[in-house]
Amino acid sequence: MKRIVFSLLVIIIVIFGAVTLLDSLSKKTEIHSFDKKAEHKLYKRVEAVKKLIAGNSKYNNKTAFFIDMKISSGKNRFFVYDLQNDKIIDRGLVAHGSGSETGKKNKLKFSNVNNSLCTALGKYYIGYSYNGDFGKAYKLYGLDKTNDNAFLRNIVLHKYRKVPYEEQDEPICNSYGCPMVNEKYYSRIEKLIDRSDKRIVLDIYY
C-alpha cells in the first residue's frame, strides 16, 4: 500500500513539474514572439516618457501606455507598461484612424489636422472621462506639435464592440482618428486610469 501511495506521489510530482515547465516555456515564447525591432523601439519610447515625467508631479511615474502603429492592427500593439519594473504588463488590439489608410499594406499616414480622420503621433496625457457615443471615454491632450490639436479634434480613448479581443491575421476596423480598443481590454485599462490620481501618459508612435 505504501509503495502504491509513494508511486502516485512520484507521478503527481512529475506531472506537476511537466506542466510548470510547459507553462514557463509558453511564457518565454510569448515574450520572444515580440519582434526585436519593435521591442527596441518601445524601450526608446519608454526612456523618452521617463524623461518627460521625471520630476513632474503631475504625471503617473508607475504606469504608461504605448501604441506602436507600425504593428498591424490585427496584432497586439497597445501596451500597458510598468515604468518602475521596466516590463509590459498588458497588451491588446487598438484601431487607427480611417484617414491614416494609404491603400498600401502596413503603410500608414498621420495628421494633426481637424477632420482628417487620421491618427496623430506623439505623447498625450489622459484627461477626464465623459459619456459619449461609445459610452465612457477619456479626453486626450496632445503634448507634442504633432498632436497638439487632439482636444480640439475630439480625439479620445474609447471602446467599441466591433474591435476583436483576440489577435487575427486580418486588419481590424478603423476609428475616426481615436485610439479605439476592445471592450474587455478597455475594462482593464479603465481601472488603471480611474485609480490613478495623476495623469497617465499615452505615447503613439510609428
N, C-alpha and C. Protein backbone atom coordinates (compact mmCIF):
# COMPACT_ATOMS: atom_id res chain seq x y z
N MET A 1 0.83 -1.21 0.00
CA MET A 1 0.00 0.00 0.00
C MET A 1 0.87 1.26 0.00
N LYS A 2 1.94 1.22 0.84
CA LYS A 2 2.84 2.37 0.93
C LYS A 2 3.54 2.61 -0.41
N ARG A 3 3.89 1.48 -1.09
CA ARG A 3 4.53 1.61 -2.38
C ARG A 3 3.61 2.27 -3.42
N ILE A 4 2.34 1.91 -3.36
CA ILE A 4 1.36 2.47 -4.30
C ILE A 4 1.21 3.98 -4.07
N VAL A 5 1.08 4.37 -2.79
CA VAL A 5 0.94 5.78 -2.43
C VAL A 5 2.17 6.56 -2.88
N PHE A 6 3.37 5.96 -2.60
CA PHE A 6 4.62 6.60 -2.99
C PHE A 6 4.71 6.78 -4.51
N SER A 7 4.30 5.74 -5.24
CA SER A 7 4.32 5.79 -6.71
C SER A 7 3.39 6.87 -7.24
N LEU A 8 2.21 6.97 -6.61
CA LEU A 8 1.26 8.00 -7.02
C LEU A 8 1.81 9.40 -6.78
N LEU A 9 2.48 9.58 -5.64
CA LEU A 9 3.08 10.87 -5.32
C LEU A 9 4.15 11.25 -6.34
N VAL A 10 4.97 10.25 -6.72
CA VAL A 10 6.01 10.49 -7.71
C VAL A 10 5.40 10.91 -9.04
N ILE A 11 4.33 10.22 -9.44
CA ILE A 11 3.65 10.53 -10.71
C ILE A 11 3.10 11.95 -10.68
N ILE A 12 2.47 12.32 -9.55
CA ILE A 12 1.89 13.66 -9.41
C ILE A 12 2.97 14.73 -9.51
N ILE A 13 4.12 14.49 -8.83
CA ILE A 13 5.22 15.45 -8.85
C ILE A 13 5.76 15.61 -10.27
N VAL A 14 5.90 14.48 -10.99
CA VAL A 14 6.41 14.52 -12.36
C VAL A 14 5.47 15.30 -13.27
N ILE A 15 4.15 15.01 -13.13
CA ILE A 15 3.15 15.70 -13.95
C ILE A 15 3.15 17.20 -13.66
N PHE A 16 3.17 17.55 -12.36
CA PHE A 16 3.18 18.96 -11.95
C PHE A 16 4.41 19.67 -12.51
N GLY A 17 5.55 18.99 -12.44
CA GLY A 17 6.79 19.58 -12.97
C GLY A 17 6.71 19.81 -14.46
N ALA A 18 6.12 18.86 -15.18
CA ALA A 18 5.99 18.98 -16.63
C ALA A 18 5.08 20.14 -17.00
N VAL A 19 3.96 20.27 -16.28
CA VAL A 19 3.01 21.36 -16.53
C VAL A 19 3.67 22.70 -16.27
N THR A 20 4.41 22.79 -15.16
CA THR A 20 5.11 24.03 -14.81
C THR A 20 6.12 24.40 -15.88
N LEU A 21 6.86 23.40 -16.37
CA LEU A 21 7.85 23.64 -17.41
C LEU A 21 7.20 24.13 -18.70
N LEU A 22 6.10 23.49 -19.09
CA LEU A 22 5.40 23.89 -20.31
C LEU A 22 4.86 25.31 -20.19
N ASP A 23 4.35 25.62 -18.99
CA ASP A 23 3.83 26.97 -18.76
C ASP A 23 4.94 27.99 -18.87
N SER A 24 6.09 27.66 -18.30
CA SER A 24 7.25 28.54 -18.36
C SER A 24 7.71 28.74 -19.80
N LEU A 25 7.75 27.67 -20.56
CA LEU A 25 8.18 27.75 -21.95
C LEU A 25 7.21 28.57 -22.78
N SER A 26 5.90 28.42 -22.50
CA SER A 26 4.90 29.17 -23.26
C SER A 26 5.03 30.66 -23.00
N LYS A 27 5.35 31.02 -21.73
CA LYS A 27 5.52 32.43 -21.39
C LYS A 27 6.75 33.00 -22.09
N LYS A 28 7.82 32.21 -22.13
CA LYS A 28 9.03 32.66 -22.81
C LYS A 28 8.78 32.83 -24.29
N THR A 29 8.01 31.91 -24.87
CA THR A 29 7.67 32.01 -26.29
C THR A 29 6.90 33.28 -26.57
N GLU A 30 5.97 33.62 -25.66
CA GLU A 30 5.18 34.84 -25.82
C GLU A 30 6.07 36.07 -25.81
N ILE A 31 7.06 36.07 -24.91
CA ILE A 31 7.97 37.20 -24.83
C ILE A 31 8.82 37.31 -26.09
N HIS A 32 9.36 36.16 -26.55
CA HIS A 32 10.24 36.18 -27.70
C HIS A 32 9.49 36.42 -29.01
N SER A 33 8.17 36.23 -29.01
CA SER A 33 7.40 36.46 -30.23
C SER A 33 7.27 37.95 -30.52
N PHE A 34 7.59 38.81 -29.54
CA PHE A 34 7.56 40.25 -29.72
C PHE A 34 8.79 40.64 -30.52
N ASP A 35 8.59 41.14 -31.74
CA ASP A 35 9.67 41.46 -32.65
C ASP A 35 10.74 42.32 -31.97
N LYS A 36 12.01 41.95 -32.20
CA LYS A 36 13.12 42.63 -31.53
C LYS A 36 13.21 44.11 -31.91
N LYS A 37 12.91 44.44 -33.17
CA LYS A 37 12.94 45.83 -33.58
C LYS A 37 11.85 46.62 -32.85
N ALA A 38 10.67 46.01 -32.75
CA ALA A 38 9.57 46.66 -32.05
C ALA A 38 9.90 46.82 -30.57
N GLU A 39 10.55 45.81 -30.02
CA GLU A 39 10.94 45.85 -28.61
C GLU A 39 11.95 46.98 -28.36
N HIS A 40 12.93 47.09 -29.23
CA HIS A 40 13.95 48.14 -29.10
C HIS A 40 13.31 49.52 -29.22
N LYS A 41 12.39 49.65 -30.17
CA LYS A 41 11.71 50.93 -30.38
C LYS A 41 10.87 51.29 -29.17
N LEU A 42 10.19 50.30 -28.61
CA LEU A 42 9.38 50.53 -27.42
C LEU A 42 10.24 51.06 -26.27
N TYR A 43 11.38 50.44 -26.03
CA TYR A 43 12.22 50.85 -24.92
C TYR A 43 12.77 52.26 -25.11
N LYS A 44 12.99 52.66 -26.37
CA LYS A 44 13.42 54.03 -26.64
C LYS A 44 12.30 55.01 -26.31
N ARG A 45 11.07 54.63 -26.64
CA ARG A 45 9.91 55.48 -26.31
C ARG A 45 9.69 55.55 -24.80
N VAL A 46 9.94 54.43 -24.14
CA VAL A 46 9.82 54.40 -22.67
C VAL A 46 10.79 55.40 -22.05
N GLU A 47 12.02 55.42 -22.53
CA GLU A 47 13.02 56.34 -22.00
C GLU A 47 12.61 57.79 -22.21
N ALA A 48 11.99 58.08 -23.36
CA ALA A 48 11.53 59.43 -23.65
C ALA A 48 10.41 59.85 -22.70
N VAL A 49 9.52 58.91 -22.40
CA VAL A 49 8.42 59.21 -21.47
C VAL A 49 8.97 59.40 -20.06
N LYS A 50 9.90 58.57 -19.67
CA LYS A 50 10.52 58.72 -18.34
C LYS A 50 11.16 60.09 -18.20
N LYS A 51 11.79 60.56 -19.27
CA LYS A 51 12.42 61.87 -19.25
C LYS A 51 11.37 62.97 -19.11
N LEU A 52 10.24 62.79 -19.79
CA LEU A 52 9.15 63.77 -19.73
C LEU A 52 8.59 63.90 -18.32
N ILE A 53 8.37 62.77 -17.66
CA ILE A 53 7.70 62.80 -16.37
C ILE A 53 8.65 62.98 -15.19
N ALA A 54 9.94 62.88 -15.44
CA ALA A 54 10.91 62.99 -14.35
C ALA A 54 10.78 64.33 -13.63
N GLY A 55 10.56 64.28 -12.35
CA GLY A 55 10.47 65.49 -11.56
C GLY A 55 9.17 66.26 -11.73
N ASN A 56 8.24 65.73 -12.51
CA ASN A 56 6.95 66.41 -12.73
C ASN A 56 5.86 65.64 -11.98
N SER A 57 5.41 66.19 -10.90
CA SER A 57 4.46 65.50 -10.02
C SER A 57 3.07 65.36 -10.62
N LYS A 58 2.84 65.98 -11.78
CA LYS A 58 1.52 65.87 -12.41
C LYS A 58 1.30 64.50 -13.05
N TYR A 59 2.41 63.83 -13.37
CA TYR A 59 2.31 62.60 -14.14
C TYR A 59 2.52 61.35 -13.30
N ASN A 60 1.83 60.29 -13.70
CA ASN A 60 1.99 58.98 -13.07
C ASN A 60 3.35 58.42 -13.47
N ASN A 61 4.18 58.11 -12.48
CA ASN A 61 5.52 57.60 -12.78
C ASN A 61 5.62 56.08 -12.64
N LYS A 62 4.47 55.43 -12.49
CA LYS A 62 4.44 53.97 -12.35
C LYS A 62 3.95 53.27 -13.61
N THR A 63 2.98 53.89 -14.29
CA THR A 63 2.34 53.25 -15.45
C THR A 63 2.23 54.21 -16.62
N ALA A 64 2.47 53.71 -17.81
CA ALA A 64 2.26 54.49 -19.03
C ALA A 64 1.73 53.56 -20.12
N PHE A 65 1.09 54.13 -21.13
CA PHE A 65 0.54 53.38 -22.25
C PHE A 65 1.33 53.70 -23.52
N PHE A 66 1.56 52.68 -24.33
CA PHE A 66 2.30 52.85 -25.58
C PHE A 66 1.57 52.14 -26.71
N ILE A 67 1.50 52.80 -27.88
CA ILE A 67 0.88 52.21 -29.06
C ILE A 67 1.86 52.28 -30.22
N ASP A 68 2.21 51.13 -30.76
CA ASP A 68 3.13 51.05 -31.89
C ASP A 68 2.32 50.87 -33.17
N MET A 69 2.14 51.95 -33.92
CA MET A 69 1.32 51.92 -35.12
C MET A 69 1.99 51.21 -36.29
N LYS A 70 3.26 50.83 -36.13
CA LYS A 70 3.94 50.08 -37.18
C LYS A 70 3.47 48.62 -37.19
N ILE A 71 3.00 48.17 -36.04
CA ILE A 71 2.48 46.80 -35.92
C ILE A 71 1.09 46.74 -36.55
N SER A 72 0.79 45.68 -37.24
CA SER A 72 -0.52 45.52 -37.88
C SER A 72 -1.65 45.64 -36.86
N SER A 73 -2.77 46.22 -37.28
CA SER A 73 -3.89 46.44 -36.37
C SER A 73 -4.51 45.15 -35.86
N GLY A 74 -4.26 44.04 -36.57
CA GLY A 74 -4.79 42.76 -36.12
C GLY A 74 -3.96 42.11 -35.02
N LYS A 75 -2.84 42.74 -34.68
CA LYS A 75 -1.95 42.22 -33.65
C LYS A 75 -1.91 43.16 -32.44
N ASN A 76 -1.58 42.61 -31.30
CA ASN A 76 -1.50 43.41 -30.09
C ASN A 76 -0.44 44.50 -30.25
N ARG A 77 -0.85 45.75 -30.12
CA ARG A 77 0.09 46.87 -30.27
C ARG A 77 -0.18 48.00 -29.27
N PHE A 78 -1.14 47.80 -28.39
CA PHE A 78 -1.39 48.73 -27.28
C PHE A 78 -0.78 48.08 -26.04
N PHE A 79 0.23 48.71 -25.48
CA PHE A 79 0.97 48.12 -24.36
C PHE A 79 0.80 48.94 -23.09
N VAL A 80 0.46 48.26 -22.01
CA VAL A 80 0.46 48.85 -20.68
C VAL A 80 1.83 48.53 -20.09
N TYR A 81 2.55 49.57 -19.71
CA TYR A 81 3.95 49.38 -19.31
C TYR A 81 4.19 49.79 -17.86
N ASP A 82 4.86 48.91 -17.15
CA ASP A 82 5.27 49.17 -15.77
C ASP A 82 6.60 49.93 -15.82
N LEU A 83 6.57 51.22 -15.54
CA LEU A 83 7.76 52.06 -15.65
C LEU A 83 8.80 51.77 -14.58
N GLN A 84 8.37 51.27 -13.44
CA GLN A 84 9.29 51.04 -12.34
C GLN A 84 10.03 49.70 -12.47
N ASN A 85 9.35 48.71 -13.05
CA ASN A 85 9.97 47.39 -13.22
C ASN A 85 10.36 47.11 -14.67
N ASP A 86 10.15 48.10 -15.53
CA ASP A 86 10.51 48.00 -16.95
C ASP A 86 10.01 46.73 -17.60
N LYS A 87 8.68 46.60 -17.65
CA LYS A 87 8.11 45.44 -18.35
C LYS A 87 6.69 45.74 -18.80
N ILE A 88 6.29 45.03 -19.84
CA ILE A 88 4.90 45.12 -20.33
C ILE A 88 4.03 44.28 -19.40
N ILE A 89 2.95 44.86 -18.91
CA ILE A 89 2.07 44.12 -18.00
C ILE A 89 0.72 43.78 -18.63
N ASP A 90 0.44 44.37 -19.79
CA ASP A 90 -0.80 44.02 -20.50
C ASP A 90 -0.67 44.51 -21.93
N ARG A 91 -1.43 43.90 -22.84
CA ARG A 91 -1.38 44.29 -24.24
C ARG A 91 -2.70 43.95 -24.92
N GLY A 92 -3.04 44.70 -25.96
CA GLY A 92 -4.30 44.46 -26.65
C GLY A 92 -4.33 45.10 -28.02
N LEU A 93 -5.41 44.86 -28.74
CA LEU A 93 -5.60 45.44 -30.07
C LEU A 93 -6.09 46.89 -29.94
N VAL A 94 -5.72 47.69 -30.92
CA VAL A 94 -6.21 49.08 -30.96
C VAL A 94 -6.33 49.51 -32.42
N ALA A 95 -7.41 50.23 -32.72
CA ALA A 95 -7.66 50.69 -34.08
C ALA A 95 -6.96 52.02 -34.34
N HIS A 96 -6.66 52.28 -35.61
CA HIS A 96 -6.17 53.60 -36.01
C HIS A 96 -7.23 54.30 -36.85
N GLY A 97 -7.01 55.56 -37.14
CA GLY A 97 -7.98 56.35 -37.88
C GLY A 97 -8.11 55.90 -39.33
N SER A 98 -9.33 55.96 -39.85
CA SER A 98 -9.55 55.56 -41.25
C SER A 98 -8.78 56.47 -42.21
N GLY A 99 -8.56 57.72 -41.80
CA GLY A 99 -7.82 58.65 -42.65
C GLY A 99 -6.34 58.31 -42.74
N SER A 100 -5.88 57.43 -41.87
CA SER A 100 -4.47 57.03 -41.89
C SER A 100 -4.19 55.94 -42.92
N GLU A 101 -5.23 55.38 -43.50
CA GLU A 101 -5.04 54.35 -44.52
C GLU A 101 -4.45 54.96 -45.79
N THR A 102 -3.51 54.25 -46.41
CA THR A 102 -2.88 54.71 -47.65
C THR A 102 -3.20 53.81 -48.84
N GLY A 103 -3.83 52.68 -48.55
CA GLY A 103 -4.08 51.71 -49.60
C GLY A 103 -2.93 50.75 -49.80
N LYS A 104 -1.84 50.99 -49.08
CA LYS A 104 -0.68 50.11 -49.15
C LYS A 104 -0.55 49.32 -47.86
N LYS A 105 -0.24 48.05 -47.98
CA LYS A 105 -0.15 47.17 -46.82
C LYS A 105 0.93 47.65 -45.85
N ASN A 106 0.54 47.73 -44.57
CA ASN A 106 1.45 48.12 -43.49
C ASN A 106 2.06 49.51 -43.69
N LYS A 107 1.39 50.35 -44.45
CA LYS A 107 1.86 51.72 -44.67
C LYS A 107 0.76 52.70 -44.26
N LEU A 108 1.03 53.50 -43.23
CA LEU A 108 0.04 54.45 -42.73
C LEU A 108 0.55 55.87 -42.88
N LYS A 109 -0.38 56.82 -42.85
CA LYS A 109 -0.02 58.24 -42.80
C LYS A 109 -0.68 58.84 -41.56
N PHE A 110 -0.19 59.98 -41.11
CA PHE A 110 -0.67 60.56 -39.86
C PHE A 110 -0.87 62.06 -40.01
N SER A 111 -1.82 62.59 -39.25
CA SER A 111 -2.11 64.01 -39.36
C SER A 111 -2.68 64.56 -38.06
N ASN A 112 -2.41 65.82 -37.82
CA ASN A 112 -2.92 66.55 -36.66
C ASN A 112 -4.05 67.49 -37.05
N VAL A 113 -4.45 67.41 -38.33
CA VAL A 113 -5.44 68.33 -38.90
C VAL A 113 -6.86 67.88 -38.58
N ASN A 114 -7.71 68.84 -38.23
CA ASN A 114 -9.10 68.53 -37.92
C ASN A 114 -9.82 67.95 -39.14
N ASN A 115 -10.70 66.99 -38.90
CA ASN A 115 -11.50 66.33 -39.93
C ASN A 115 -10.67 65.45 -40.88
N SER A 116 -9.42 65.21 -40.57
CA SER A 116 -8.59 64.34 -41.41
C SER A 116 -8.89 62.88 -41.15
N LEU A 117 -9.50 62.58 -40.00
CA LEU A 117 -9.79 61.22 -39.55
C LEU A 117 -8.52 60.39 -39.38
N CYS A 118 -7.40 61.07 -39.26
CA CYS A 118 -6.12 60.40 -39.10
C CYS A 118 -5.73 60.26 -37.63
N THR A 119 -4.97 59.24 -37.35
CA THR A 119 -4.28 59.14 -36.07
C THR A 119 -3.16 60.17 -36.07
N ALA A 120 -2.91 60.79 -34.93
CA ALA A 120 -1.80 61.73 -34.78
C ALA A 120 -0.76 61.11 -33.84
N LEU A 121 0.48 61.15 -34.27
CA LEU A 121 1.56 60.58 -33.47
C LEU A 121 1.98 61.55 -32.36
N GLY A 122 2.58 60.99 -31.32
CA GLY A 122 3.10 61.82 -30.24
C GLY A 122 2.64 61.38 -28.87
N LYS A 123 3.09 62.11 -27.89
CA LYS A 123 2.74 61.82 -26.50
C LYS A 123 1.50 62.61 -26.09
N TYR A 124 0.62 61.94 -25.39
CA TYR A 124 -0.62 62.53 -24.87
C TYR A 124 -0.65 62.30 -23.36
N TYR A 125 -1.51 63.06 -22.69
CA TYR A 125 -1.88 62.61 -21.35
C TYR A 125 -3.39 62.39 -21.33
N ILE A 126 -3.80 61.43 -20.54
CA ILE A 126 -5.22 61.06 -20.49
C ILE A 126 -5.94 61.94 -19.50
N GLY A 127 -6.97 62.62 -19.98
CA GLY A 127 -7.72 63.57 -19.16
C GLY A 127 -8.97 62.97 -18.55
N TYR A 128 -9.97 63.82 -18.38
CA TYR A 128 -11.19 63.42 -17.70
C TYR A 128 -12.06 62.51 -18.57
N SER A 129 -12.92 61.76 -17.93
CA SER A 129 -13.84 60.87 -18.65
C SER A 129 -15.19 61.54 -18.83
N TYR A 130 -15.93 61.06 -19.82
CA TYR A 130 -17.28 61.56 -20.08
C TYR A 130 -18.04 60.44 -20.79
N ASN A 131 -19.33 60.59 -20.91
CA ASN A 131 -20.16 59.60 -21.60
C ASN A 131 -20.54 60.13 -22.98
N GLY A 132 -20.09 59.43 -24.02
CA GLY A 132 -20.34 59.86 -25.38
C GLY A 132 -21.02 58.78 -26.20
N ASP A 133 -20.80 58.83 -27.51
CA ASP A 133 -21.45 57.88 -28.43
C ASP A 133 -21.03 56.43 -28.17
N PHE A 134 -19.84 56.25 -27.62
CA PHE A 134 -19.34 54.89 -27.37
C PHE A 134 -19.31 54.56 -25.88
N GLY A 135 -20.11 55.30 -25.11
CA GLY A 135 -20.10 55.10 -23.67
C GLY A 135 -19.01 55.92 -23.01
N LYS A 136 -18.47 55.41 -21.96
CA LYS A 136 -17.43 56.14 -21.24
C LYS A 136 -16.16 56.25 -22.09
N ALA A 137 -15.64 57.46 -22.18
CA ALA A 137 -14.42 57.71 -22.95
C ALA A 137 -13.57 58.72 -22.20
N TYR A 138 -12.30 58.81 -22.60
CA TYR A 138 -11.36 59.72 -21.93
C TYR A 138 -10.81 60.74 -22.93
N LYS A 139 -10.88 62.01 -22.56
CA LYS A 139 -10.31 63.07 -23.38
C LYS A 139 -8.79 62.92 -23.42
N LEU A 140 -8.21 63.21 -24.58
CA LEU A 140 -6.77 63.14 -24.73
C LEU A 140 -6.21 64.53 -25.04
N TYR A 141 -5.10 64.84 -24.41
CA TYR A 141 -4.44 66.13 -24.61
C TYR A 141 -3.05 65.89 -25.20
N GLY A 142 -2.81 66.43 -26.40
CA GLY A 142 -1.53 66.24 -27.06
C GLY A 142 -0.43 67.07 -26.41
N LEU A 143 0.73 66.47 -26.28
CA LEU A 143 1.87 67.13 -25.65
C LEU A 143 2.96 67.51 -26.65
N ASP A 144 2.76 67.16 -27.92
CA ASP A 144 3.75 67.45 -28.95
C ASP A 144 3.11 68.26 -30.08
N LYS A 145 3.94 68.85 -30.92
CA LYS A 145 3.43 69.62 -32.05
C LYS A 145 2.66 68.74 -33.03
N THR A 146 2.99 67.48 -33.04
CA THR A 146 2.35 66.55 -33.97
C THR A 146 0.94 66.13 -33.53
N ASN A 147 0.57 66.48 -32.29
CA ASN A 147 -0.76 66.07 -31.80
C ASN A 147 -1.43 67.12 -30.90
N ASP A 148 -0.95 68.36 -30.96
CA ASP A 148 -1.47 69.37 -30.04
C ASP A 148 -2.88 69.84 -30.36
N ASN A 149 -3.46 69.33 -31.44
CA ASN A 149 -4.87 69.63 -31.76
C ASN A 149 -5.82 68.54 -31.27
N ALA A 150 -5.30 67.58 -30.52
CA ALA A 150 -6.10 66.41 -30.13
C ALA A 150 -7.40 66.80 -29.43
N PHE A 151 -7.33 67.70 -28.47
CA PHE A 151 -8.53 68.07 -27.72
C PHE A 151 -9.55 68.74 -28.64
N LEU A 152 -9.10 69.65 -29.50
CA LEU A 152 -10.00 70.34 -30.43
C LEU A 152 -10.58 69.39 -31.46
N ARG A 153 -9.82 68.36 -31.81
CA ARG A 153 -10.29 67.36 -32.78
C ARG A 153 -11.21 66.33 -32.12
N ASN A 154 -11.36 66.42 -30.82
CA ASN A 154 -12.15 65.46 -30.05
C ASN A 154 -11.59 64.05 -30.17
N ILE A 155 -10.27 63.96 -30.11
CA ILE A 155 -9.60 62.65 -30.10
C ILE A 155 -9.65 62.11 -28.68
N VAL A 156 -10.23 60.92 -28.52
CA VAL A 156 -10.43 60.35 -27.20
C VAL A 156 -10.05 58.87 -27.19
N LEU A 157 -9.83 58.36 -26.01
CA LEU A 157 -9.60 56.92 -25.83
C LEU A 157 -10.94 56.29 -25.50
N HIS A 158 -11.37 55.36 -26.36
CA HIS A 158 -12.69 54.76 -26.13
C HIS A 158 -12.73 53.30 -26.58
N LYS A 159 -13.80 52.64 -26.23
CA LYS A 159 -14.01 51.23 -26.59
C LYS A 159 -14.99 51.14 -27.75
N TYR A 160 -15.05 49.96 -28.37
CA TYR A 160 -16.00 49.72 -29.45
C TYR A 160 -16.21 48.21 -29.57
N ARG A 161 -17.46 47.81 -29.62
CA ARG A 161 -17.80 46.38 -29.57
C ARG A 161 -17.28 45.60 -30.77
N LYS A 162 -17.00 46.26 -31.89
CA LYS A 162 -16.54 45.55 -33.08
C LYS A 162 -15.03 45.35 -33.12
N VAL A 163 -14.33 45.91 -32.16
CA VAL A 163 -12.89 45.65 -32.09
C VAL A 163 -12.70 44.28 -31.45
N PRO A 164 -12.03 43.34 -32.13
CA PRO A 164 -11.85 41.98 -31.59
C PRO A 164 -11.00 41.99 -30.33
N TYR A 165 -11.12 40.92 -29.56
CA TYR A 165 -10.29 40.77 -28.37
C TYR A 165 -9.02 39.99 -28.69
N GLU A 166 -9.17 38.95 -29.50
CA GLU A 166 -8.04 38.10 -29.85
C GLU A 166 -7.32 38.63 -31.10
N GLU A 167 -6.04 38.32 -31.20
CA GLU A 167 -5.28 38.69 -32.38
C GLU A 167 -5.80 37.94 -33.61
N GLN A 168 -5.60 38.53 -34.77
CA GLN A 168 -6.03 37.91 -36.01
C GLN A 168 -5.09 38.35 -37.14
N ASP A 169 -5.13 37.63 -38.26
CA ASP A 169 -4.25 37.94 -39.38
C ASP A 169 -4.73 39.15 -40.18
N GLU A 170 -6.02 39.35 -40.22
CA GLU A 170 -6.59 40.46 -40.99
C GLU A 170 -6.63 41.75 -40.17
N PRO A 171 -6.57 42.91 -40.82
CA PRO A 171 -6.70 44.19 -40.11
C PRO A 171 -8.07 44.30 -39.45
N ILE A 172 -8.16 45.06 -38.39
CA ILE A 172 -9.44 45.27 -37.71
C ILE A 172 -10.09 46.56 -38.23
N CYS A 173 -11.24 46.90 -37.69
CA CYS A 173 -11.97 48.09 -38.10
C CYS A 173 -11.18 49.36 -37.76
N ASN A 174 -11.55 50.47 -38.40
CA ASN A 174 -10.88 51.75 -38.17
C ASN A 174 -11.74 52.68 -37.33
N SER A 175 -11.09 53.69 -36.78
CA SER A 175 -11.79 54.71 -35.98
C SER A 175 -11.82 56.02 -36.78
N TYR A 176 -12.26 57.09 -36.14
CA TYR A 176 -12.24 58.42 -36.77
C TYR A 176 -10.98 59.19 -36.37
N GLY A 177 -9.98 58.46 -35.93
CA GLY A 177 -8.72 59.08 -35.51
C GLY A 177 -8.38 58.79 -34.08
N CYS A 178 -9.32 58.19 -33.36
CA CYS A 178 -9.13 57.90 -31.94
C CYS A 178 -8.48 56.53 -31.72
N PRO A 179 -7.72 56.37 -30.64
CA PRO A 179 -7.30 55.03 -30.24
C PRO A 179 -8.51 54.29 -29.67
N MET A 180 -8.96 53.27 -30.36
CA MET A 180 -10.22 52.59 -30.07
C MET A 180 -9.93 51.13 -29.79
N VAL A 181 -10.36 50.63 -28.63
CA VAL A 181 -9.97 49.28 -28.21
C VAL A 181 -11.19 48.40 -27.92
N ASN A 182 -10.90 47.13 -27.74
CA ASN A 182 -11.92 46.15 -27.39
C ASN A 182 -12.53 46.44 -26.02
N GLU A 183 -13.79 46.10 -25.83
CA GLU A 183 -14.49 46.39 -24.58
C GLU A 183 -13.86 45.69 -23.38
N LYS A 184 -13.47 44.44 -23.55
CA LYS A 184 -12.88 43.67 -22.45
C LYS A 184 -11.53 44.25 -22.05
N TYR A 185 -10.73 44.58 -23.05
CA TYR A 185 -9.42 45.18 -22.78
C TYR A 185 -9.59 46.56 -22.15
N TYR A 186 -10.56 47.30 -22.65
CA TYR A 186 -10.85 48.64 -22.13
C TYR A 186 -11.18 48.61 -20.64
N SER A 187 -11.92 47.58 -20.22
CA SER A 187 -12.31 47.49 -18.81
C SER A 187 -11.08 47.38 -17.90
N ARG A 188 -10.00 46.81 -18.42
CA ARG A 188 -8.78 46.68 -17.61
C ARG A 188 -8.02 48.00 -17.55
N ILE A 189 -7.86 48.67 -18.69
CA ILE A 189 -7.12 49.93 -18.66
C ILE A 189 -7.94 51.04 -18.00
N GLU A 190 -9.26 50.91 -18.08
CA GLU A 190 -10.14 51.86 -17.42
C GLU A 190 -9.88 51.88 -15.91
N LYS A 191 -9.70 50.72 -15.34
CA LYS A 191 -9.43 50.63 -13.90
C LYS A 191 -8.13 51.31 -13.54
N LEU A 192 -7.12 51.14 -14.37
CA LEU A 192 -5.83 51.77 -14.12
C LEU A 192 -5.95 53.29 -14.17
N ILE A 193 -6.70 53.78 -15.14
CA ILE A 193 -6.86 55.23 -15.29
C ILE A 193 -7.63 55.81 -14.11
N ASP A 194 -8.73 55.16 -13.76
CA ASP A 194 -9.59 55.70 -12.69
C ASP A 194 -8.93 55.63 -11.32
N ARG A 195 -8.04 54.67 -11.13
CA ARG A 195 -7.37 54.54 -9.84
C ARG A 195 -6.19 55.49 -9.70
N SER A 196 -5.75 56.04 -10.81
CA SER A 196 -4.58 56.92 -10.77
C SER A 196 -4.98 58.33 -10.39
N ASP A 197 -4.28 58.89 -9.41
CA ASP A 197 -4.55 60.27 -9.02
C ASP A 197 -3.66 61.25 -9.78
N LYS A 198 -2.87 60.71 -10.74
CA LYS A 198 -2.02 61.55 -11.57
C LYS A 198 -2.24 61.20 -13.04
N ARG A 199 -1.80 62.08 -13.90
CA ARG A 199 -2.01 61.90 -15.33
C ARG A 199 -1.19 60.73 -15.89
N ILE A 200 -1.85 59.85 -16.62
CA ILE A 200 -1.16 58.75 -17.29
C ILE A 200 -0.79 59.19 -18.71
N VAL A 201 0.45 58.95 -19.09
CA VAL A 201 0.91 59.33 -20.43
C VAL A 201 0.63 58.19 -21.41
N LEU A 202 0.14 58.58 -22.57
CA LEU A 202 -0.08 57.65 -23.70
C LEU A 202 0.80 58.10 -24.85
N ASP A 203 1.64 57.22 -25.35
CA ASP A 203 2.56 57.58 -26.44
C ASP A 203 2.20 56.75 -27.68
N ILE A 204 1.86 57.44 -28.77
CA ILE A 204 1.56 56.78 -30.03
C ILE A 204 2.70 57.06 -31.00
N TYR A 205 3.30 56.00 -31.52
CA TYR A 205 4.48 56.19 -32.39
C TYR A 205 4.42 55.23 -33.57
N TYR A 206 5.38 55.40 -34.49
CA TYR A 206 5.36 54.62 -35.75
C TYR A 206 6.79 54.24 -36.14
